[in-house]
Amino acid sequence: MDTSTTNVPLQAGDLALRLSQNGHRLDELLAFASRQNPRRGYLFVSKVLGKHVPVRPTKMDAIHAELASKVDLLGRQPYVVGMAETAVGLGAGVARHLGDLHEGAVFHHTTRFLVETPWIRIKEAHSHADTMHMAQLSTKAARVVGDAQDLVLVDDEISTGKTLAQLAQALTAQPALARIKCLHIVSLVSWLTDAAREALLALLPEGVEVRFVQLMAGTFTFTPCPDYQAVLPDNVDTAFCDALKTADTSAPIEAEGLYGRLMGNHPTPEQPLPRVPSVSRDADLVVFGMGEYLDAPLRMALQWERDGMDVLFQSSTRSPIMLGDAIQSCLEHPAPGQPDKRHFLYNAPAGRVPLAFDGLDSPALSQALEDSYRALHPHGTAEVPA
């Protein structure tokens, strides 16, 4: 097996990478940064995820399709779960392409929104916001999941897999998933050492076949800088958001996979895209999702790009990251349901017309993100023509 080594100096310390699968794709897939988080100093910054770096929608869609093509299903309709918040959009894209390749798929995701019917709860040791849960599946989604033989867990990168193991154990213990025979662990990058993989396999459900799918793999070591002292900002969002529980009507984000969503060749039609004003074909756009609301604005941006427009996509996040390394700029907007807390958007591209979508039918949030963008990039932007 061909291997390559790379050393990455960061403010937080030094990463030493040893790449064993598709190491030539490192520059395509990853950059690196330093967290404002005392639990973990380093951050793998995906260049294809649509989070911390703006991405062409067609590139994101191609990555989703590539991952889906590598998943060898036992059954006809998989149950696909994306990890909040970073891999919600990735999971949705993989589920869509799996559904197109097979006989449909159900997409579901963990969440940090409070829901009326929580199902399971897990903890993520390295995250600053370490608790997430899942809502109960809708009746229609549960009916399909009940026949699924394949559970597909999707995350952006895997270091130990302990969070995924918690989720896999909790899900396969549910009577609704009694027919699951194969667990597919899907990621953009896997950092599992041989020992970590064996430890992960020991934590996974017995009697279920386990298959790993990733675009690049390797191992790493991190040497912290003794002078780097990470402190969480006072305005960082670590709590569950109650915006859904207090809403009078269902918000768009609730139909995007929070309660399970049927995708692909299933007869249920695609969810509608956000409503936007008419957009000039000559406008250079940047489309912003927020937090867990990625898939619908991505699909809209993807359609615009396929129609020949110049458009980039990315989403804001609750994760606090240090400026420097791969993070060149940061803008903020109020956290949903917590106006005294902040979410962040990094590396926003200059000179574009911003269109932001919050998934909560809260125009003030979208406007705040667009205004923050214009404050950071006051020149070269314009209002979207009506």
Protein backbone atom coordinates (compact mmCIF):
# COMPACT_ATOMS: atom_id res chain seq x y z
CA MET A 1 0.00 0.00 0.00
CA ASP A 2 1.40 3.39 -1.03
CA THR A 3 1.79 5.86 1.81
CA SER A 4 2.80 9.48 2.05
CA THR A 5 3.57 11.75 4.97
CA THR A 6 2.77 15.43 5.48
CA ASN A 7 3.47 17.78 8.37
CA VAL A 8 1.00 20.59 9.04
CA PRO A 9 2.02 23.38 11.46
CA LEU A 10 -0.96 25.06 13.18
CA GLN A 11 -1.39 27.70 15.85
CA ALA A 12 -2.62 24.96 18.19
CA GLY A 13 0.26 22.59 17.45
CA ASP A 14 1.59 20.30 14.74
CA LEU A 15 -0.26 17.62 12.80
CA ALA A 16 1.74 14.78 11.29
CA LEU A 17 -0.28 12.94 8.63
CA ARG A 18 0.44 9.51 7.21
CA LEU A 19 -1.88 8.90 4.25
CA SER A 20 -2.55 5.32 3.17
CA GLN A 21 -5.50 5.65 0.74
CA ASN A 22 -5.79 8.29 -1.98
CA GLY A 23 -3.22 10.57 -0.39
CA HIS A 24 -3.02 12.44 -3.71
CA ARG A 25 -6.48 13.85 -2.91
CA LEU A 26 -5.35 15.66 0.25
CA ASP A 27 -5.30 19.14 -1.31
CA GLU A 28 -8.65 18.48 -2.98
CA LEU A 29 -10.38 17.40 0.23
CA LEU A 30 -8.78 19.07 3.25
CA ALA A 31 -7.30 22.13 4.83
CA PHE A 32 -6.49 22.60 8.53
CA ALA A 33 -7.24 25.05 11.34
CA SER A 34 -7.15 25.55 15.11
CA ARG A 35 -10.23 25.30 17.28
CA GLN A 36 -11.25 27.69 20.03
CA ASN A 37 -11.99 24.62 22.09
CA PRO A 38 -9.95 23.28 25.03
CA ARG A 39 -11.11 19.70 24.30
CA ARG A 40 -9.42 19.48 20.89
CA GLY A 41 -7.02 21.97 19.34
CA TYR A 42 -6.97 20.96 15.68
CA LEU A 43 -9.69 20.99 13.04
CA PHE A 44 -9.83 19.18 9.71
CA VAL A 45 -11.39 21.73 7.36
CA SER A 46 -13.20 20.03 4.51
CA LYS A 47 -12.98 21.72 1.13
CA VAL A 48 -15.98 19.80 -0.25
CA LEU A 49 -18.44 19.79 2.64
CA GLY A 50 -19.89 23.28 2.21
CA LYS A 51 -19.20 24.36 5.77
CA HIS A 52 -15.98 26.23 6.52
CA VAL A 53 -14.99 26.77 2.87
CA PRO A 54 -17.26 27.91 0.02
CA VAL A 55 -17.75 25.19 -2.60
CA ARG A 56 -19.19 24.85 -6.08
CA PRO A 57 -22.53 23.04 -5.70
CA THR A 58 -21.67 20.67 -8.55
CA LYS A 59 -18.49 19.67 -6.70
CA MET A 60 -20.46 18.88 -3.56
CA ASP A 61 -23.00 16.89 -5.56
CA ALA A 62 -20.23 14.94 -7.28
CA ILE A 63 -18.72 14.04 -3.90
CA HIS A 64 -22.12 12.85 -2.65
CA ALA A 65 -22.55 10.73 -5.78
CA GLU A 66 -19.05 9.27 -5.47
CA LEU A 67 -19.60 8.19 -1.89
CA ALA A 68 -23.01 6.71 -2.68
CA SER A 69 -21.56 4.70 -5.56
CA LYS A 70 -19.12 3.04 -3.15
CA VAL A 71 -21.84 1.81 -0.76
CA ASP A 72 -22.61 -1.83 -1.55
CA LEU A 73 -26.10 -2.43 -0.17
CA LEU A 74 -27.58 -5.73 0.92
CA GLY A 75 -31.16 -4.57 0.57
CA ARG A 76 -33.21 -2.25 -1.61
CA GLN A 77 -33.89 0.84 0.51
CA PRO A 78 -31.25 1.95 3.03
CA TYR A 79 -31.77 3.95 6.20
CA VAL A 80 -29.24 6.81 6.04
CA VAL A 81 -28.33 8.92 9.08
CA GLY A 82 -26.27 12.12 8.92
CA MET A 83 -24.44 13.51 11.95
CA ALA A 84 -25.39 17.00 13.15
CA GLU A 85 -24.53 19.50 12.37
CA THR A 86 -21.58 19.20 10.03
CA ALA A 87 -22.63 16.10 8.10
CA VAL A 88 -26.37 16.76 7.77
CA GLY A 89 -25.96 18.06 4.22
CA LEU A 90 -23.45 15.35 3.35
CA GLY A 91 -25.80 12.66 4.64
CA ALA A 92 -28.73 14.08 2.68
CA GLY A 93 -26.71 14.12 -0.52
CA VAL A 94 -25.49 10.55 -0.05
CA ALA A 95 -29.06 9.43 0.71
CA ARG A 96 -30.41 11.12 -2.41
CA HIS A 97 -27.91 9.42 -4.68
CA LEU A 98 -28.38 6.07 -2.96
CA GLY A 99 -32.10 6.45 -3.48
CA ASP A 100 -31.56 7.19 -7.16
CA LEU A 101 -29.25 4.18 -7.56
CA HIS A 102 -31.62 1.79 -5.78
CA GLU A 103 -35.31 1.83 -4.88
CA GLY A 104 -35.31 4.89 -2.66
CA ALA A 105 -33.80 5.71 0.72
CA VAL A 106 -34.83 7.22 4.04
CA PHE A 107 -32.70 10.10 5.29
CA HIS A 108 -32.71 11.03 8.99
CA HIS A 109 -30.27 13.11 11.01
CA THR A 110 -29.25 13.75 14.56
CA THR A 111 -30.07 17.24 15.76
CA ARG A 112 -29.39 19.90 18.35
CA PHE A 113 -32.94 21.26 18.06
CA LEU A 114 -35.40 20.36 20.78
CA VAL A 115 -38.20 18.19 19.38
CA GLU A 116 -41.48 17.03 20.84
CA THR A 117 -40.70 13.34 20.37
CA PRO A 118 -37.01 12.66 21.13
CA TRP A 119 -35.99 9.10 20.30
CA ILE A 120 -32.36 8.59 21.32
CA ARG A 121 -29.59 10.80 22.72
CA ILE A 122 -25.82 10.52 22.37
CA LYS A 123 -22.76 12.52 23.43
CA GLU A 124 -19.85 13.63 21.26
CA ALA A 125 -16.76 13.86 23.45
CA HIS A 126 -14.66 16.31 21.43
CA SER A 127 -17.38 18.83 20.50
CA HIS A 128 -17.97 22.05 22.40
CA ALA A 129 -21.72 21.28 22.09
CA ASP A 130 -21.49 17.65 23.06
CA THR A 131 -25.06 16.35 23.17
CA MET A 132 -27.34 15.52 20.27
CA HIS A 133 -30.48 13.48 19.85
CA MET A 134 -32.83 12.17 17.18
CA ALA A 135 -36.53 12.76 16.72
CA GLN A 136 -38.94 9.89 16.30
CA LEU A 137 -39.36 8.81 12.68
CA SER A 138 -42.59 9.81 10.99
CA THR A 139 -45.06 7.00 10.39
CA LYS A 140 -44.30 6.94 6.66
CA ALA A 141 -40.51 6.92 7.13
CA ALA A 142 -40.72 4.30 9.91
CA ARG A 143 -42.64 1.99 7.61
CA VAL A 144 -39.78 1.99 5.08
CA VAL A 145 -37.06 1.81 7.75
CA GLY A 146 -38.76 -1.24 9.23
CA ASP A 147 -37.88 -3.18 6.08
CA ALA A 148 -34.32 -1.82 5.73
CA GLN A 149 -31.39 -4.21 5.86
CA ASP A 150 -28.77 -1.45 5.58
CA LEU A 151 -27.98 1.26 8.14
CA VAL A 152 -25.72 3.93 6.60
CA LEU A 153 -24.07 6.33 9.07
CA VAL A 154 -22.53 9.40 7.44
CA ASP A 155 -19.96 11.74 8.99
CA ASP A 156 -17.43 14.11 7.48
CA GLU A 157 -14.40 12.54 9.16
CA ILE A 158 -13.76 9.73 11.62
CA SER A 159 -10.99 9.81 14.20
CA THR A 160 -12.08 7.20 16.74
CA GLY A 161 -15.63 6.41 15.68
CA LYS A 162 -16.86 6.34 19.27
CA THR A 163 -19.76 8.70 18.58
CA LEU A 164 -20.82 6.60 15.61
CA ALA A 165 -20.59 3.47 17.76
CA GLN A 166 -22.92 5.03 20.32
CA LEU A 167 -25.38 5.88 17.58
CA ALA A 168 -25.16 2.46 15.94
CA GLN A 169 -25.78 0.68 19.25
CA ALA A 170 -28.71 2.93 20.12
CA LEU A 171 -30.34 2.57 16.70
CA THR A 172 -29.94 -1.17 16.26
CA ALA A 173 -31.42 -1.68 19.73
CA GLN A 174 -34.68 -0.19 18.47
CA PRO A 175 -37.38 -2.72 17.46
CA ALA A 176 -38.00 -0.68 14.30
CA LEU A 177 -34.52 -1.61 13.03
CA ALA A 178 -34.73 -5.31 13.77
CA ARG A 179 -34.01 -6.25 10.14
CA ILE A 180 -30.69 -4.37 9.87
CA LYS A 181 -27.97 -6.76 8.72
CA CYS A 182 -25.24 -4.41 7.48
CA LEU A 183 -23.78 -1.21 8.95
CA HIS A 184 -22.04 1.10 6.48
CA ILE A 185 -19.78 3.76 8.01
CA VAL A 186 -19.35 6.44 5.37
CA SER A 187 -17.03 9.45 5.60
CA LEU A 188 -15.02 11.79 3.46
CA VAL A 189 -11.87 10.89 5.40
CA SER A 190 -11.08 8.14 7.89
CA TRP A 191 -8.27 8.58 10.41
CA LEU A 192 -8.75 5.20 12.09
CA THR A 193 -5.54 3.45 13.08
CA ASP A 194 -5.57 -0.34 13.02
CA ALA A 195 -5.98 -0.34 16.80
CA ALA A 196 -8.76 2.27 16.66
CA ARG A 197 -10.59 0.28 14.01
CA GLU A 198 -10.44 -2.87 16.12
CA ALA A 199 -11.62 -0.92 19.15
CA LEU A 200 -14.48 0.55 17.12
CA LEU A 201 -15.52 -2.86 15.79
CA ALA A 202 -15.64 -4.13 19.38
CA LEU A 203 -18.10 -1.34 20.25
CA LEU A 204 -20.41 -1.96 17.31
CA PRO A 205 -23.52 -4.17 17.45
CA GLU A 206 -22.91 -7.90 17.34
CA GLY A 207 -24.32 -9.90 14.46
CA VAL A 208 -24.23 -6.95 12.05
CA GLU A 209 -21.76 -6.83 9.17
CA VAL A 210 -19.66 -3.64 9.12
CA ARG A 211 -18.37 -1.98 5.96
CA PHE A 212 -16.28 1.19 5.73
CA VAL A 213 -16.48 3.68 2.86
CA GLN A 214 -14.27 6.76 2.56
CA LEU A 215 -12.56 8.85 -0.11
CA MET A 216 -9.24 9.12 1.70
CA ALA A 217 -7.70 7.37 4.69
CA GLY A 218 -4.65 7.64 6.90
CA THR A 219 -3.54 8.26 10.44
CA PHE A 220 -2.26 11.30 12.27
CA THR A 221 -0.58 12.45 15.44
CA PHE A 222 -1.04 15.86 17.01
CA THR A 223 1.58 17.60 19.12
CA PRO A 224 -0.02 20.51 21.02
CA CYS A 225 1.73 23.85 21.21
CA PRO A 226 2.37 24.52 24.91
CA ASP A 227 1.67 28.23 24.43
CA TYR A 228 -1.71 27.71 22.79
CA GLN A 229 -4.55 28.23 25.25
CA ALA A 230 -7.99 27.73 23.74
CA VAL A 231 -10.96 29.27 25.54
CA LEU A 232 -14.55 29.03 24.35
CA PRO A 233 -15.98 32.49 23.54
CA ASP A 234 -18.66 33.76 25.92
CA ASN A 235 -21.18 34.00 23.09
CA VAL A 236 -20.70 30.47 21.74
CA ASP A 237 -23.82 28.30 21.42
CA THR A 238 -23.58 25.04 23.39
CA ALA A 239 -27.25 24.42 24.18
CA PHE A 240 -30.16 22.79 22.41
CA CYS A 241 -32.24 25.20 20.34
CA ASP A 242 -35.94 25.44 21.21
CA ALA A 243 -36.99 27.37 18.09
CA LEU A 244 -38.96 24.42 16.72
CA LYS A 245 -40.87 23.68 19.92
CA THR A 246 -42.05 27.27 20.18
CA ALA A 247 -42.99 27.69 16.50
CA ASP A 248 -46.68 28.00 15.68
CA THR A 249 -46.29 26.13 12.39
CA SER A 250 -43.86 23.62 10.93
CA ALA A 251 -40.62 25.20 9.72
CA PRO A 252 -38.91 24.12 6.48
CA ILE A 253 -36.08 22.44 8.39
CA GLU A 254 -38.58 19.97 9.87
CA ALA A 255 -39.24 18.50 6.42
CA GLU A 256 -35.57 18.08 5.52
CA GLY A 257 -34.84 14.91 7.49
CA LEU A 258 -35.55 15.79 11.10
CA TYR A 259 -38.34 13.18 11.22
CA GLY A 260 -37.08 11.04 8.37
CA ARG A 261 -37.40 11.87 4.71
CA LEU A 262 -37.99 9.62 1.73
CA MET A 263 -35.59 10.28 -1.14
CA GLY A 264 -34.63 9.08 -4.57
CA ASN A 265 -36.90 6.82 -6.61
CA HIS A 266 -39.53 6.63 -3.91
CA PRO A 267 -42.90 8.04 -5.07
CA THR A 268 -42.76 10.87 -2.51
CA PRO A 269 -41.81 14.04 -4.46
CA GLU A 270 -38.75 16.14 -3.68
CA GLN A 271 -39.28 18.79 -1.01
CA PRO A 272 -39.87 22.30 -2.40
CA LEU A 273 -36.97 24.72 -2.60
CA PRO A 274 -36.91 28.00 -0.65
CA ARG A 275 -38.75 30.90 -2.21
CA VAL A 276 -36.41 33.61 -3.48
CA PRO A 277 -36.74 36.72 -5.60
CA SER A 278 -35.87 36.48 -9.28
CA VAL A 279 -32.11 36.39 -9.68
CA SER A 280 -30.20 37.92 -12.56
CA ARG A 281 -28.27 35.34 -14.57
CA ASP A 282 -25.35 37.78 -14.53
CA ALA A 283 -25.15 37.89 -10.72
CA ASP A 284 -22.27 36.14 -8.97
CA LEU A 285 -24.01 34.50 -6.02
CA VAL A 286 -23.08 32.95 -2.71
CA VAL A 287 -25.85 30.90 -1.10
CA PHE A 288 -25.69 30.45 2.67
CA GLY A 289 -27.40 27.71 4.62
CA MET A 290 -27.47 27.80 8.40
CA GLY A 291 -26.48 25.06 10.81
CA GLU A 292 -28.48 21.93 10.05
CA TYR A 293 -30.38 23.55 7.17
CA LEU A 294 -28.13 22.79 4.21
CA ASP A 295 -29.79 20.51 1.71
CA ALA A 296 -32.62 22.66 0.37
CA PRO A 297 -30.45 25.76 -0.28
CA LEU A 298 -27.76 23.52 -1.77
CA ARG A 299 -30.27 22.01 -4.20
CA MET A 300 -31.33 25.50 -5.21
CA ALA A 301 -27.72 26.61 -5.72
CA LEU A 302 -27.02 23.42 -7.66
CA GLN A 303 -29.88 24.11 -10.05
CA TRP A 304 -28.63 27.66 -10.62
CA GLU A 305 -25.12 26.43 -11.37
CA ARG A 306 -26.44 23.81 -13.79
CA ASP A 307 -28.33 26.63 -15.50
CA GLY A 308 -25.00 28.35 -16.14
CA MET A 309 -24.80 30.79 -13.23
CA ASP A 310 -21.73 31.55 -11.13
CA VAL A 311 -22.65 30.37 -7.61
CA LEU A 312 -20.91 29.13 -4.48
CA PHE A 313 -22.44 27.49 -1.42
CA GLN A 314 -21.62 27.17 2.26
CA SER A 315 -23.31 27.10 5.66
CA SER A 316 -22.81 28.79 8.98
CA THR A 317 -21.90 26.74 12.04
CA ARG A 318 -21.92 26.97 15.81
CA SER A 319 -18.23 25.92 16.00
CA PRO A 320 -15.76 28.59 17.18
CA ILE A 321 -12.50 28.51 15.16
CA MET A 322 -9.39 30.67 15.43
CA LEU A 323 -8.59 33.07 12.63
CA GLY A 324 -5.42 31.99 10.87
CA ASP A 325 -4.32 28.70 9.34
CA ALA A 326 -7.10 27.85 6.80
CA ILE A 327 -9.56 30.35 8.33
CA GLN A 328 -9.13 33.75 6.72
CA SER A 329 -12.29 35.53 7.86
CA CYS A 330 -15.26 35.14 10.19
CA LEU A 331 -18.69 36.71 10.25
CA GLU A 332 -21.48 36.14 12.74
CA HIS A 333 -25.23 35.98 13.09
CA PRO A 334 -27.54 35.38 16.09
CA ALA A 335 -28.01 31.76 17.05
CA PRO A 336 -31.56 30.53 16.30
CA GLY A 337 -33.68 30.92 19.41
CA GLN A 338 -30.81 32.50 21.37
CA PRO A 339 -30.16 36.08 20.17
CA ASP A 340 -27.43 36.58 22.79
CA LYS A 341 -25.43 33.69 21.32
CA ARG A 342 -23.65 33.63 17.96
CA HIS A 343 -23.11 31.28 15.04
CA PHE A 344 -20.24 31.76 12.63
CA LEU A 345 -19.50 31.66 8.91
CA TYR A 346 -15.89 31.36 7.78
CA ASN A 347 -14.01 32.25 4.60
CA ALA A 348 -16.98 33.93 2.95
CA PRO A 349 -16.01 34.75 -0.66
CA ALA A 350 -15.85 38.44 -1.56
CA GLY A 351 -17.66 40.23 -4.37
CA ARG A 352 -20.87 38.19 -4.52
CA VAL A 353 -24.57 38.69 -3.94
CA PRO A 354 -25.44 36.86 -0.69
CA LEU A 355 -28.61 34.81 -0.27
CA ALA A 356 -29.06 33.27 3.20
CA PHE A 357 -31.64 30.68 4.29
CA ASP A 358 -32.29 29.75 7.92
CA GLY A 359 -34.83 26.91 7.65
CA LEU A 360 -36.94 28.40 10.44
CA ASP A 361 -38.96 30.92 8.44
CA SER A 362 -37.20 33.65 10.40
CA PRO A 363 -36.29 36.42 7.93
CA ALA A 364 -34.40 38.32 10.63
CA LEU A 365 -31.81 35.52 10.84
CA SER A 366 -31.24 35.42 7.08
CA GLN A 367 -31.06 39.20 6.93
CA ALA A 368 -28.56 39.30 9.78
CA LEU A 369 -26.24 36.90 7.95
CA GLU A 370 -26.53 38.80 4.68
CA ASP A 371 -25.90 42.11 6.49
CA SER A 372 -22.87 40.61 8.24
CA TYR A 373 -21.55 39.53 4.84
CA ARG A 374 -22.00 43.01 3.39
CA ALA A 375 -20.25 44.53 6.38
CA LEU A 376 -17.27 42.24 5.79
CA HIS A 377 -17.30 42.75 2.01
CA PRO A 378 -18.77 46.22 1.42
CA HIS A 379 -17.56 46.48 -2.18
CA GLY A 380 -18.56 44.40 -5.16
CA THR A 381 -21.93 43.29 -3.75
CA ALA A 382 -25.37 44.34 -4.88
CA GLU A 383 -28.99 43.72 -4.09
CA VAL A 384 -30.57 40.79 -5.89
CA PRO A 385 -32.53 42.22 -8.81
CA ALA A 386 -36.28 41.67 -8.52
